[in-house]
Amino acid sequence: MEFAPTMLCNNGVLLFSTCEWLSAQGSADPAVLMFLAVIGGSIGVLMGLLGIGGGLLIVPILHYLPPLLFAKPLLHFKSITGIAAVQGLAGSVAGTWSHHQQKNIVWPWVFLLAPLSIVGAYAGGLLTVYVSDDQLTYLLLAVLFSAWGLMLLREWKRTQTAGQAATIPQTSPVQTPNPPAPPLATNLPVNRGLLALVALMVGGLSGLLGIGGAVFMLPLLHGPFQLPMSLAVGTSSVLVLLNMLLTTVAKAQTGHLPLWYAVVITLSAVVGSTLGARLTVTLSDSTLRRIHLTLITSMLLWVAYDVLGRLRQ
């Protein structure tokens, strides 16, 4: 597979040392492409297995792992966020279409949240040029810590609910007519301004870090705003798709989108996610939750260790 590094070097996407290294060989090192394919496929398996976007895994892995294997960074942090955006865009297309087919998307909520969300995503992508790699790393740490905290909170609530259910005495079922199902909470919330502001902030994070933002939107839609889980997932998938689309455009305009590397990772992630989706049925929900929590905890500790090292310098 031939690769023309001058396309990326002329835009300042790759580090100078990496440009020099690639140009000297005339094409991308097969080991680098193999590394990217393996990383993309592995993350794709986890995406399909856990139903996640993968952005919070791709960014730290591509940032910290290449220096360990190749003795030098392969990409700037900002270019890694561009790769994550392309991968997130490709992954969200199929998910959004599936939720649309299942009628799990509440379009009035999308029309409320999407305008500010995509503005935030596009602005965040453009503002990346004014943010240092150190600042983006600090922001990534904050996002990982928030995601980790939300996961622990959900686990605590799940444990509390299970404990309360266990204390309810079992009685013989009484044959009664089935009550009518309660109406779904799909009406727009009263505090629309707050929800729109949250969408703007999540969109900004998407643009800066190349992540979809579902890790924040999903628990907010399902929790404080009481949207049923299936509808919360479907609605947030549309927002992720739009955020990733605008983020990808912004990354391309700012020269932070190494196209060929993004294509390799995205294609391998698509293949891996198919395998991961098939593996999901072989594991229990509790096992899947533990795997997800372990991954986020590992990424959090990895980034925190790096940040502490930078602060000591």
C-alpha atoms as a PDB file:
ATOM      1  CA  MET A   1       0.000   0.000   0.000  1.00  0.00           C
ATOM      2  CA  GLU A   2       1.607   3.228  -1.172  1.00  0.00           C
ATOM      3  CA  PHE A   3       1.309   6.350   0.942  1.00  0.00           C
ATOM      4  CA  ALA A   4       2.388   9.906   0.032  1.00  0.00           C
ATOM      5  CA  PRO A   5       3.525  11.582   3.250  1.00  0.00           C
ATOM      6  CA  THR A   6       3.964  14.975   1.572  1.00  0.00           C
ATOM      7  CA  MET A   7       0.179  15.376   1.603  1.00  0.00           C
ATOM      8  CA  LEU A   8       0.284  15.468   5.376  1.00  0.00           C
ATOM      9  CA  CYS A   9       3.705  17.004   5.907  1.00  0.00           C
ATOM     10  CA  ASN A  10       2.895  20.057   3.785  1.00  0.00           C
ATOM     11  CA  ASN A  11      -0.091  20.741   6.025  1.00  0.00           C
ATOM     12  CA  GLY A  12       1.946  20.334   9.194  1.00  0.00           C
ATOM     13  CA  VAL A  13      -0.105  17.365  10.344  1.00  0.00           C
ATOM     14  CA  LEU A  14       2.780  15.035  11.124  1.00  0.00           C
ATOM     15  CA  LEU A  15       5.737  15.785  13.337  1.00  0.00           C
ATOM     16  CA  PHE A  16       8.794  16.928  11.407  1.00  0.00           C
ATOM     17  CA  SER A  17      10.807  13.908  12.495  1.00  0.00           C
ATOM     18  CA  THR A  18       8.041  11.590  11.293  1.00  0.00           C
ATOM     19  CA  CYS A  19       7.841  13.409   7.939  1.00  0.00           C
ATOM     20  CA  GLU A  20      11.572  13.045   7.502  1.00  0.00           C
ATOM     21  CA  TRP A  21      11.377   9.375   8.368  1.00  0.00           C
ATOM     22  CA  LEU A  22       8.492   8.681   5.956  1.00  0.00           C
ATOM     23  CA  SER A  23       9.936  10.738   3.125  1.00  0.00           C
ATOM     24  CA  ALA A  24      13.241   8.902   3.348  1.00  0.00           C
ATOM     25  CA  GLN A  25      11.461   5.604   2.724  1.00  0.00           C
ATOM     26  CA  GLY A  26       9.191   6.933   0.001  1.00  0.00           C
ATOM     27  CA  SER A  27       6.111   5.240   1.484  1.00  0.00           C
ATOM     28  CA  ALA A  28       4.613   4.462   4.882  1.00  0.00           C
ATOM     29  CA  ASP A  29       6.374   1.778   6.858  1.00  0.00           C
ATOM     30  CA  PRO A  30       4.281  -1.419   6.638  1.00  0.00           C
ATOM     31  CA  ALA A  31       4.874  -1.878  10.368  1.00  0.00           C
ATOM     32  CA  VAL A  32       3.138   1.438  11.052  1.00  0.00           C
ATOM     33  CA  LEU A  33       0.166   0.550   8.880  1.00  0.00           C
ATOM     34  CA  MET A  34      -0.023  -2.875  10.511  1.00  0.00           C
ATOM     35  CA  PHE A  35       0.093  -1.240  13.928  1.00  0.00           C
ATOM     36  CA  LEU A  36      -2.760   1.091  13.012  1.00  0.00           C
ATOM     37  CA  ALA A  37      -4.809  -1.774  11.584  1.00  0.00           C
ATOM     38  CA  VAL A  38      -4.316  -3.876  14.714  1.00  0.00           C
ATOM     39  CA  ILE A  39      -5.194  -0.948  16.984  1.00  0.00           C
ATOM     40  CA  GLY A  40      -8.256  -0.089  14.923  1.00  0.00           C
ATOM     41  CA  GLY A  41      -9.433  -3.699  14.825  1.00  0.00           C
ATOM     42  CA  SER A  42      -8.898  -4.186  18.555  1.00  0.00           C
ATOM     43  CA  ILE A  43     -10.783  -1.022  19.433  1.00  0.00           C
ATOM     44  CA  GLY A  44     -13.488  -2.026  16.960  1.00  0.00           C
ATOM     45  CA  VAL A  45     -13.977  -5.328  18.807  1.00  0.00           C
ATOM     46  CA  LEU A  46     -14.442  -3.388  22.047  1.00  0.00           C
ATOM     47  CA  MET A  47     -16.842  -0.992  20.321  1.00  0.00           C
ATOM     48  CA  GLY A  48     -19.033  -3.818  19.088  1.00  0.00           C
ATOM     49  CA  LEU A  49     -18.743  -5.720  22.355  1.00  0.00           C
ATOM     50  CA  LEU A  50     -19.610  -2.808  24.651  1.00  0.00           C
ATOM     51  CA  GLY A  51     -21.651  -0.577  22.338  1.00  0.00           C
ATOM     52  CA  ILE A  52     -19.313   2.407  22.744  1.00  0.00           C
ATOM     53  CA  GLY A  53     -17.982   4.968  20.300  1.00  0.00           C
ATOM     54  CA  GLY A  54     -14.321   4.273  20.981  1.00  0.00           C
ATOM     55  CA  GLY A  55     -13.077   7.871  21.029  1.00  0.00           C
ATOM     56  CA  LEU A  56     -11.991   7.716  24.667  1.00  0.00           C
ATOM     57  CA  LEU A  57      -9.895   4.651  23.796  1.00  0.00           C
ATOM     58  CA  ILE A  58      -8.433   5.707  20.449  1.00  0.00           C
ATOM     59  CA  VAL A  59      -7.094   9.073  21.602  1.00  0.00           C
ATOM     60  CA  PRO A  60      -4.981   7.914  24.581  1.00  0.00           C
ATOM     61  CA  ILE A  61      -3.835   4.706  22.856  1.00  0.00           C
ATOM     62  CA  LEU A  62      -2.589   6.485  19.718  1.00  0.00           C
ATOM     63  CA  HIS A  63      -1.020   9.187  21.875  1.00  0.00           C
ATOM     64  CA  TYR A  64       0.927   6.965  24.263  1.00  0.00           C
ATOM     65  CA  LEU A  65       1.504   3.626  22.537  1.00  0.00           C
ATOM     66  CA  PRO A  66       3.469   4.606  19.374  1.00  0.00           C
ATOM     67  CA  PRO A  67       6.394   6.146  21.314  1.00  0.00           C
ATOM     68  CA  LEU A  68       6.765   2.843  23.172  1.00  0.00           C
ATOM     69  CA  LEU A  69       6.872   0.820  19.927  1.00  0.00           C
ATOM     70  CA  PHE A  70       8.569   3.208  17.490  1.00  0.00           C
ATOM     71  CA  ALA A  71      10.657   5.284  19.937  1.00  0.00           C
ATOM     72  CA  LYS A  72       9.016   8.481  18.672  1.00  0.00           C
ATOM     73  CA  PRO A  73       5.514   9.970  18.436  1.00  0.00           C
ATOM     74  CA  LEU A  74       3.745   9.110  15.212  1.00  0.00           C
ATOM     75  CA  LEU A  75       1.214  11.941  15.241  1.00  0.00           C
ATOM     76  CA  HIS A  76       0.495  15.186  16.999  1.00  0.00           C
ATOM     77  CA  PHE A  77      -2.238  14.979  19.620  1.00  0.00           C
ATOM     78  CA  LYS A  78      -4.425  17.217  17.445  1.00  0.00           C
ATOM     79  CA  SER A  79      -4.124  14.868  14.482  1.00  0.00           C
ATOM     80  CA  ILE A  80      -5.098  11.953  16.707  1.00  0.00           C
ATOM     81  CA  THR A  81      -8.324  13.779  17.542  1.00  0.00           C
ATOM     82  CA  GLY A  82      -8.953  14.069  13.787  1.00  0.00           C
ATOM     83  CA  ILE A  83      -8.548  10.308  13.388  1.00  0.00           C
ATOM     84  CA  ALA A  84     -10.933   9.736  16.296  1.00  0.00           C
ATOM     85  CA  ALA A  85     -13.502  12.019  14.647  1.00  0.00           C
ATOM     86  CA  VAL A  86     -13.423  10.101  11.352  1.00  0.00           C
ATOM     87  CA  GLN A  87     -13.706   6.783  13.154  1.00  0.00           C
ATOM     88  CA  GLY A  88     -16.568   8.103  15.278  1.00  0.00           C
ATOM     89  CA  LEU A  89     -18.370   9.430  12.204  1.00  0.00           C
ATOM     90  CA  ALA A  90     -18.151   6.085  10.400  1.00  0.00           C
ATOM     91  CA  GLY A  91     -19.307   4.187  13.462  1.00  0.00           C
ATOM     92  CA  SER A  92     -22.259   6.458  14.191  1.00  0.00           C
ATOM     93  CA  VAL A  93     -23.784   6.245  10.696  1.00  0.00           C
ATOM     94  CA  ALA A  94     -24.840   2.612  11.010  1.00  0.00           C
ATOM     95  CA  GLY A  95     -25.982   3.072  14.600  1.00  0.00           C
ATOM     96  CA  THR A  96     -28.127   6.091  13.798  1.00  0.00           C
ATOM     97  CA  TRP A  97     -29.769   4.351  10.845  1.00  0.00           C
ATOM     98  CA  SER A  98     -30.570   1.328  12.992  1.00  0.00           C
ATOM     99  CA  HIS A  99     -32.160   3.505  15.693  1.00  0.00           C
ATOM    100  CA  HIS A 100     -34.157   5.345  13.032  1.00  0.00           C
ATOM    101  CA  GLN A 101     -35.506   2.036  11.728  1.00  0.00           C
ATOM    102  CA  GLN A 102     -36.512   1.053  15.265  1.00  0.00           C
ATOM    103  CA  LYS A 103     -38.151   4.467  15.858  1.00  0.00           C
ATOM    104  CA  ASN A 104     -35.902   5.174  18.850  1.00  0.00           C
ATOM    105  CA  ILE A 105     -35.156   8.776  17.868  1.00  0.00           C
ATOM    106  CA  VAL A 106     -37.164  11.619  19.427  1.00  0.00           C
ATOM    107  CA  TRP A 107     -36.859  14.208  16.692  1.00  0.00           C
ATOM    108  CA  PRO A 108     -38.227  17.214  18.657  1.00  0.00           C
ATOM    109  CA  TRP A 109     -35.343  16.708  21.085  1.00  0.00           C
ATOM    110  CA  VAL A 110     -32.888  16.442  18.178  1.00  0.00           C
ATOM    111  CA  PHE A 111     -34.203  19.690  16.677  1.00  0.00           C
ATOM    112  CA  LEU A 112     -33.751  21.381  20.055  1.00  0.00           C
ATOM    113  CA  LEU A 113     -30.257  20.096  20.782  1.00  0.00           C
ATOM    114  CA  ALA A 114     -28.649  19.735  17.362  1.00  0.00           C
ATOM    115  CA  PRO A 115     -28.158  23.421  16.400  1.00  0.00           C
ATOM    116  CA  LEU A 116     -26.059  24.372  19.423  1.00  0.00           C
ATOM    117  CA  SER A 117     -24.414  20.952  19.542  1.00  0.00           C
ATOM    118  CA  ILE A 118     -23.060  21.164  15.999  1.00  0.00           C
ATOM    119  CA  VAL A 119     -22.054  24.797  16.501  1.00  0.00           C
ATOM    120  CA  GLY A 120     -20.046  23.700  19.524  1.00  0.00           C
ATOM    121  CA  ALA A 121     -18.495  20.782  17.612  1.00  0.00           C
ATOM    122  CA  TYR A 122     -17.455  22.935  14.657  1.00  0.00           C
ATOM    123  CA  ALA A 123     -16.145  25.720  16.865  1.00  0.00           C
ATOM    124  CA  GLY A 124     -14.249  23.240  19.029  1.00  0.00           C
ATOM    125  CA  GLY A 125     -12.649  21.697  15.968  1.00  0.00           C
ATOM    126  CA  LEU A 126     -11.517  25.096  14.694  1.00  0.00           C
ATOM    127  CA  LEU A 127     -10.290  26.228  18.121  1.00  0.00           C
ATOM    128  CA  THR A 128      -7.997  23.219  18.339  1.00  0.00           C
ATOM    129  CA  VAL A 129      -5.264  25.219  16.580  1.00  0.00           C
ATOM    130  CA  TYR A 130      -5.167  27.629  19.538  1.00  0.00           C
ATOM    131  CA  VAL A 131      -4.954  24.910  22.184  1.00  0.00           C
ATOM    132  CA  SER A 132      -1.685  23.227  23.094  1.00  0.00           C
ATOM    133  CA  ASP A 133      -1.222  19.478  23.269  1.00  0.00           C
ATOM    134  CA  ASP A 134      -0.706  19.786  27.026  1.00  0.00           C
ATOM    135  CA  GLN A 135      -4.034  21.568  27.431  1.00  0.00           C
ATOM    136  CA  LEU A 136      -5.794  18.929  25.334  1.00  0.00           C
ATOM    137  CA  THR A 137      -4.256  16.236  27.516  1.00  0.00           C
ATOM    138  CA  TYR A 138      -5.572  17.964  30.652  1.00  0.00           C
ATOM    139  CA  LEU A 139      -9.004  18.180  29.035  1.00  0.00           C
ATOM    140  CA  LEU A 140      -8.874  14.494  28.120  1.00  0.00           C
ATOM    141  CA  LEU A 141      -8.071  13.672  31.745  1.00  0.00           C
ATOM    142  CA  ALA A 142     -11.080  15.692  32.924  1.00  0.00           C
ATOM    143  CA  VAL A 143     -13.376  13.945  30.424  1.00  0.00           C
ATOM    144  CA  LEU A 144     -12.099  10.499  31.401  1.00  0.00           C
ATOM    145  CA  PHE A 145     -12.531  11.302  35.078  1.00  0.00           C
ATOM    146  CA  SER A 146     -16.099  12.505  34.450  1.00  0.00           C
ATOM    147  CA  ALA A 147     -16.925   9.393  32.429  1.00  0.00           C
ATOM    148  CA  TRP A 148     -15.431   7.204  35.151  1.00  0.00           C
ATOM    149  CA  GLY A 149     -17.482   8.996  37.815  1.00  0.00           C
ATOM    150  CA  LEU A 150     -20.699   8.619  35.820  1.00  0.00           C
ATOM    151  CA  MET A 151     -20.054   4.912  35.394  1.00  0.00           C
ATOM    152  CA  LEU A 152     -19.492   4.452  39.120  1.00  0.00           C
ATOM    153  CA  LEU A 153     -22.670   6.401  39.853  1.00  0.00           C
ATOM    154  CA  ARG A 154     -24.697   4.193  37.511  1.00  0.00           C
ATOM    155  CA  GLU A 155     -23.241   1.071  39.138  1.00  0.00           C
ATOM    156  CA  TRP A 156     -24.133   2.412  42.587  1.00  0.00           C
ATOM    157  CA  LYS A 157     -27.703   3.167  41.513  1.00  0.00           C
ATOM    158  CA  ARG A 158     -28.006  -0.279  39.950  1.00  0.00           C
ATOM    159  CA  THR A 159     -26.801  -1.883  43.193  1.00  0.00           C
ATOM    160  CA  GLN A 160     -29.265   0.195  45.248  1.00  0.00           C
ATOM    161  CA  THR A 161     -32.150  -0.752  42.973  1.00  0.00           C
ATOM    162  CA  ALA A 162     -31.244  -4.434  43.127  1.00  0.00           C
ATOM    163  CA  GLY A 163     -31.011  -4.268  46.934  1.00  0.00           C
ATOM    164  CA  GLN A 164     -34.423  -2.651  47.256  1.00  0.00           C
ATOM    165  CA  ALA A 165     -35.975  -5.236  44.953  1.00  0.00           C
ATOM    166  CA  ALA A 166     -34.499  -8.047  47.055  1.00  0.00           C
ATOM    167  CA  THR A 167     -36.135  -6.696  50.238  1.00  0.00           C
ATOM    168  CA  ILE A 168     -39.642  -6.660  48.767  1.00  0.00           C
ATOM    169  CA  PRO A 169     -41.526  -9.746  50.050  1.00  0.00           C
ATOM    170  CA  GLN A 170     -42.619 -12.161  47.382  1.00  0.00           C
ATOM    171  CA  THR A 171     -46.387 -12.673  47.198  1.00  0.00           C
ATOM    172  CA  SER A 172     -48.574 -14.806  45.049  1.00  0.00           C
ATOM    173  CA  PRO A 173     -49.421 -13.071  41.820  1.00  0.00           C
ATOM    174  CA  VAL A 174     -52.943 -11.769  41.543  1.00  0.00           C
ATOM    175  CA  GLN A 175     -54.655 -11.966  38.212  1.00  0.00           C
ATOM    176  CA  THR A 176     -55.558  -8.395  37.372  1.00  0.00           C
ATOM    177  CA  PRO A 177     -56.120  -6.673  34.070  1.00  0.00           C
ATOM    178  CA  ASN A 178     -52.975  -5.173  32.635  1.00  0.00           C
ATOM    179  CA  PRO A 179     -52.917  -1.432  33.310  1.00  0.00           C
ATOM    180  CA  PRO A 180     -52.402   0.867  30.361  1.00  0.00           C
ATOM    181  CA  ALA A 181     -48.784   1.639  29.660  1.00  0.00           C
ATOM    182  CA  PRO A 182     -47.678   5.069  30.892  1.00  0.00           C
ATOM    183  CA  PRO A 183     -46.980   7.637  28.217  1.00  0.00           C
ATOM    184  CA  LEU A 184     -43.357   7.926  27.165  1.00  0.00           C
ATOM    185  CA  ALA A 185     -41.508  10.974  28.445  1.00  0.00           C
ATOM    186  CA  THR A 186     -40.859  12.398  25.011  1.00  0.00           C
ATOM    187  CA  ASN A 187     -42.225  15.880  25.573  1.00  0.00           C
ATOM    188  CA  LEU A 188     -39.625  18.613  25.547  1.00  0.00           C
ATOM    189  CA  PRO A 189     -38.372  19.496  29.044  1.00  0.00           C
ATOM    190  CA  VAL A 190     -39.308  22.718  30.759  1.00  0.00           C
ATOM    191  CA  ASN A 191     -35.692  23.798  31.241  1.00  0.00           C
ATOM    192  CA  ARG A 192     -34.848  23.741  27.543  1.00  0.00           C
ATOM    193  CA  GLY A 193     -32.187  26.405  27.931  1.00  0.00           C
ATOM    194  CA  LEU A 194     -30.162  24.266  30.317  1.00  0.00           C
ATOM    195  CA  LEU A 195     -30.359  21.239  28.039  1.00  0.00           C
ATOM    196  CA  ALA A 196     -29.347  23.313  25.002  1.00  0.00           C
ATOM    197  CA  LEU A 197     -26.393  24.742  26.940  1.00  0.00           C
ATOM    198  CA  VAL A 198     -25.295  21.227  27.845  1.00  0.00           C
ATOM    199  CA  ALA A 199     -25.512  20.269  24.164  1.00  0.00           C
ATOM    200  CA  LEU A 200     -23.291  23.224  23.275  1.00  0.00           C
ATOM    201  CA  MET A 201     -20.680  22.210  25.850  1.00  0.00           C
ATOM    202  CA  VAL A 202     -20.735  18.555  24.783  1.00  0.00           C
ATOM    203  CA  GLY A 203     -20.387  19.630  21.161  1.00  0.00           C
ATOM    204  CA  GLY A 204     -17.378  21.736  22.078  1.00  0.00           C
ATOM    205  CA  LEU A 205     -15.722  18.753  23.760  1.00  0.00           C
ATOM    206  CA  SER A 206     -16.446  16.680  20.677  1.00  0.00           C
ATOM    207  CA  GLY A 207     -14.747  19.217  18.455  1.00  0.00           C
ATOM    208  CA  LEU A 208     -11.685  19.578  20.662  1.00  0.00           C
ATOM    209  CA  LEU A 209     -11.055  15.893  21.398  1.00  0.00           C
ATOM    210  CA  GLY A 210     -12.737  14.129  18.487  1.00  0.00           C
ATOM    211  CA  ILE A 211     -15.093  12.158  20.755  1.00  0.00           C
ATOM    212  CA  GLY A 212     -18.802  11.707  20.151  1.00  0.00           C
ATOM    213  CA  GLY A 213     -20.027  12.985  23.498  1.00  0.00           C
ATOM    214  CA  ALA A 214     -22.534  10.180  24.111  1.00  0.00           C
ATOM    215  CA  VAL A 215     -20.765   9.430  27.396  1.00  0.00           C
ATOM    216  CA  PHE A 216     -22.320  12.686  28.687  1.00  0.00           C
ATOM    217  CA  MET A 217     -25.497  13.072  26.644  1.00  0.00           C
ATOM    218  CA  LEU A 218     -26.808   9.563  27.269  1.00  0.00           C
ATOM    219  CA  PRO A 219     -26.862   9.682  31.109  1.00  0.00           C
ATOM    220  CA  LEU A 220     -28.220  13.237  31.030  1.00  0.00           C
ATOM    221  CA  LEU A 221     -31.077  12.405  28.671  1.00  0.00           C
ATOM    222  CA  HIS A 222     -31.937   9.240  30.569  1.00  0.00           C
ATOM    223  CA  GLY A 223     -31.340  10.587  34.080  1.00  0.00           C
ATOM    224  CA  PRO A 224     -32.243  14.217  34.856  1.00  0.00           C
ATOM    225  CA  PHE A 225     -34.404  14.631  31.735  1.00  0.00           C
ATOM    226  CA  GLN A 226     -36.092  11.207  32.146  1.00  0.00           C
ATOM    227  CA  LEU A 227     -36.045  10.028  28.553  1.00  0.00           C
ATOM    228  CA  PRO A 228     -36.487   6.221  28.330  1.00  0.00           C
ATOM    229  CA  MET A 229     -33.156   4.468  27.766  1.00  0.00           C
ATOM    230  CA  SER A 230     -33.908   3.187  24.255  1.00  0.00           C
ATOM    231  CA  LEU A 231     -34.996   6.661  23.159  1.00  0.00           C
ATOM    232  CA  ALA A 232     -32.062   8.299  24.937  1.00  0.00           C
ATOM    233  CA  VAL A 233     -29.623   6.033  23.076  1.00  0.00           C
ATOM    234  CA  GLY A 234     -31.282   6.675  19.713  1.00  0.00           C
ATOM    235  CA  THR A 235     -31.511  10.428  20.207  1.00  0.00           C
ATOM    236  CA  SER A 236     -27.926  10.743  21.379  1.00  0.00           C
ATOM    237  CA  SER A 237     -26.765   8.708  18.370  1.00  0.00           C
ATOM    238  CA  VAL A 238     -28.083  11.407  16.032  1.00  0.00           C
ATOM    239  CA  LEU A 239     -26.266  14.086  18.010  1.00  0.00           C
ATOM    240  CA  VAL A 240     -23.049  12.045  17.915  1.00  0.00           C
ATOM    241  CA  LEU A 241     -23.359  11.677  14.140  1.00  0.00           C
ATOM    242  CA  LEU A 242     -23.850  15.412  13.624  1.00  0.00           C
ATOM    243  CA  ASN A 243     -21.068  16.309  16.059  1.00  0.00           C
ATOM    244  CA  MET A 244     -18.617  13.968  14.363  1.00  0.00           C
ATOM    245  CA  LEU A 245     -19.556  15.262  10.911  1.00  0.00           C
ATOM    246  CA  LEU A 246     -18.874  18.888  11.834  1.00  0.00           C
ATOM    247  CA  THR A 247     -15.779  17.937  13.833  1.00  0.00           C
ATOM    248  CA  THR A 248     -14.363  16.043  10.845  1.00  0.00           C
ATOM    249  CA  VAL A 249     -14.934  19.053   8.597  1.00  0.00           C
ATOM    250  CA  ALA A 250     -13.227  21.353  11.092  1.00  0.00           C
ATOM    251  CA  LYS A 251     -10.273  18.984  11.542  1.00  0.00           C
ATOM    252  CA  ALA A 252      -9.807  18.823   7.774  1.00  0.00           C
ATOM    253  CA  GLN A 253      -9.920  22.619   7.475  1.00  0.00           C
ATOM    254  CA  THR A 254      -7.321  23.069  10.218  1.00  0.00           C
ATOM    255  CA  GLY A 255      -4.968  20.424   8.771  1.00  0.00           C
ATOM    256  CA  HIS A 256      -5.452  17.980  11.630  1.00  0.00           C
ATOM    257  CA  LEU A 257      -6.835  15.090   9.623  1.00  0.00           C
ATOM    258  CA  PRO A 258      -4.250  12.520   8.446  1.00  0.00           C
ATOM    259  CA  LEU A 259      -6.595  10.954   5.948  1.00  0.00           C
ATOM    260  CA  TRP A 260      -4.818   7.724   5.106  1.00  0.00           C
ATOM    261  CA  TYR A 261      -4.120   6.822   8.711  1.00  0.00           C
ATOM    262  CA  ALA A 262      -7.734   7.593   9.567  1.00  0.00           C
ATOM    263  CA  VAL A 263      -8.948   5.348   6.737  1.00  0.00           C
ATOM    264  CA  VAL A 264      -6.808   2.414   7.898  1.00  0.00           C
ATOM    265  CA  ILE A 265      -8.023   2.679  11.484  1.00  0.00           C
ATOM    266  CA  THR A 266     -11.649   3.238  10.529  1.00  0.00           C
ATOM    267  CA  LEU A 267     -11.871   0.282   8.138  1.00  0.00           C
ATOM    268  CA  SER A 268     -10.214  -2.058  10.616  1.00  0.00           C
ATOM    269  CA  ALA A 269     -12.511  -0.756  13.384  1.00  0.00           C
ATOM    270  CA  VAL A 270     -15.585  -1.529  11.262  1.00  0.00           C
ATOM    271  CA  VAL A 271     -14.394  -5.108  10.794  1.00  0.00           C
ATOM    272  CA  GLY A 272     -13.567  -5.456  14.469  1.00  0.00           C
ATOM    273  CA  SER A 273     -16.894  -4.066  15.627  1.00  0.00           C
ATOM    274  CA  THR A 274     -18.725  -6.725  13.618  1.00  0.00           C
ATOM    275  CA  LEU A 275     -16.825  -9.412  15.496  1.00  0.00           C
ATOM    276  CA  GLY A 276     -17.356  -7.670  18.823  1.00  0.00           C
ATOM    277  CA  ALA A 277     -21.104  -7.445  18.276  1.00  0.00           C
ATOM    278  CA  ARG A 278     -21.235 -11.207  17.783  1.00  0.00           C
ATOM    279  CA  LEU A 279     -19.267 -11.775  20.981  1.00  0.00           C
ATOM    280  CA  THR A 280     -21.693  -9.700  23.041  1.00  0.00           C
ATOM    281  CA  VAL A 281     -24.203 -12.536  23.371  1.00  0.00           C
ATOM    282  CA  THR A 282     -21.545 -14.774  24.950  1.00  0.00           C
ATOM    283  CA  LEU A 283     -21.033 -12.479  27.962  1.00  0.00           C
ATOM    284  CA  SER A 284     -23.377 -11.387  30.727  1.00  0.00           C
ATOM    285  CA  ASP A 285     -24.356  -7.749  31.255  1.00  0.00           C
ATOM    286  CA  SER A 286     -22.393  -7.590  34.503  1.00  0.00           C
ATOM    287  CA  THR A 287     -19.251  -8.868  32.745  1.00  0.00           C
ATOM    288  CA  LEU A 288     -19.637  -6.302  29.967  1.00  0.00           C
ATOM    289  CA  ARG A 289     -20.023  -3.519  32.534  1.00  0.00           C
ATOM    290  CA  ARG A 290     -16.898  -4.659  34.379  1.00  0.00           C
ATOM    291  CA  ILE A 291     -14.902  -4.741  31.143  1.00  0.00           C
ATOM    292  CA  HIS A 292     -16.066  -1.235  30.259  1.00  0.00           C
ATOM    293  CA  LEU A 293     -15.265   0.119  33.713  1.00  0.00           C
ATOM    294  CA  THR A 294     -11.830  -1.538  33.651  1.00  0.00           C
ATOM    295  CA  LEU A 295     -11.010   0.025  30.289  1.00  0.00           C
ATOM    296  CA  ILE A 296     -12.038   3.532  31.333  1.00  0.00           C
ATOM    297  CA  THR A 297     -10.171   3.164  34.631  1.00  0.00           C
ATOM    298  CA  SER A 298      -7.026   2.051  32.791  1.00  0.00           C
ATOM    299  CA  MET A 299      -7.189   4.982  30.367  1.00  0.00           C
ATOM    300  CA  LEU A 300      -7.794   7.361  33.272  1.00  0.00           C
ATOM    301  CA  LEU A 301      -4.771   6.114  35.206  1.00  0.00           C
ATOM    302  CA  TRP A 302      -2.611   6.193  32.072  1.00  0.00           C
ATOM    303  CA  VAL A 303      -3.454   9.817  31.286  1.00  0.00           C
ATOM    304  CA  ALA A 304      -3.284  10.855  34.965  1.00  0.00           C
ATOM    305  CA  TYR A 305       0.233   9.405  35.253  1.00  0.00           C
ATOM    306  CA  ASP A 306       1.315  11.417  32.198  1.00  0.00           C
ATOM    307  CA  VAL A 307      -0.292  14.620  33.477  1.00  0.00           C
ATOM    308  CA  LEU A 308       1.361  14.299  36.878  1.00  0.00           C
ATOM    309  CA  GLY A 309       4.703  13.808  35.158  1.00  0.00           C
ATOM    310  CA  ARG A 310       4.201  16.962  33.095  1.00  0.00           C
ATOM    311  CA  LEU A 311       3.202  19.010  36.128  1.00  0.00           C
ATOM    312  CA  ARG A 312       6.353  17.965  37.992  1.00  0.00           C
ATOM    313  CA  GLN A 313       8.589  19.240  35.202  1.00  0.00           C
END
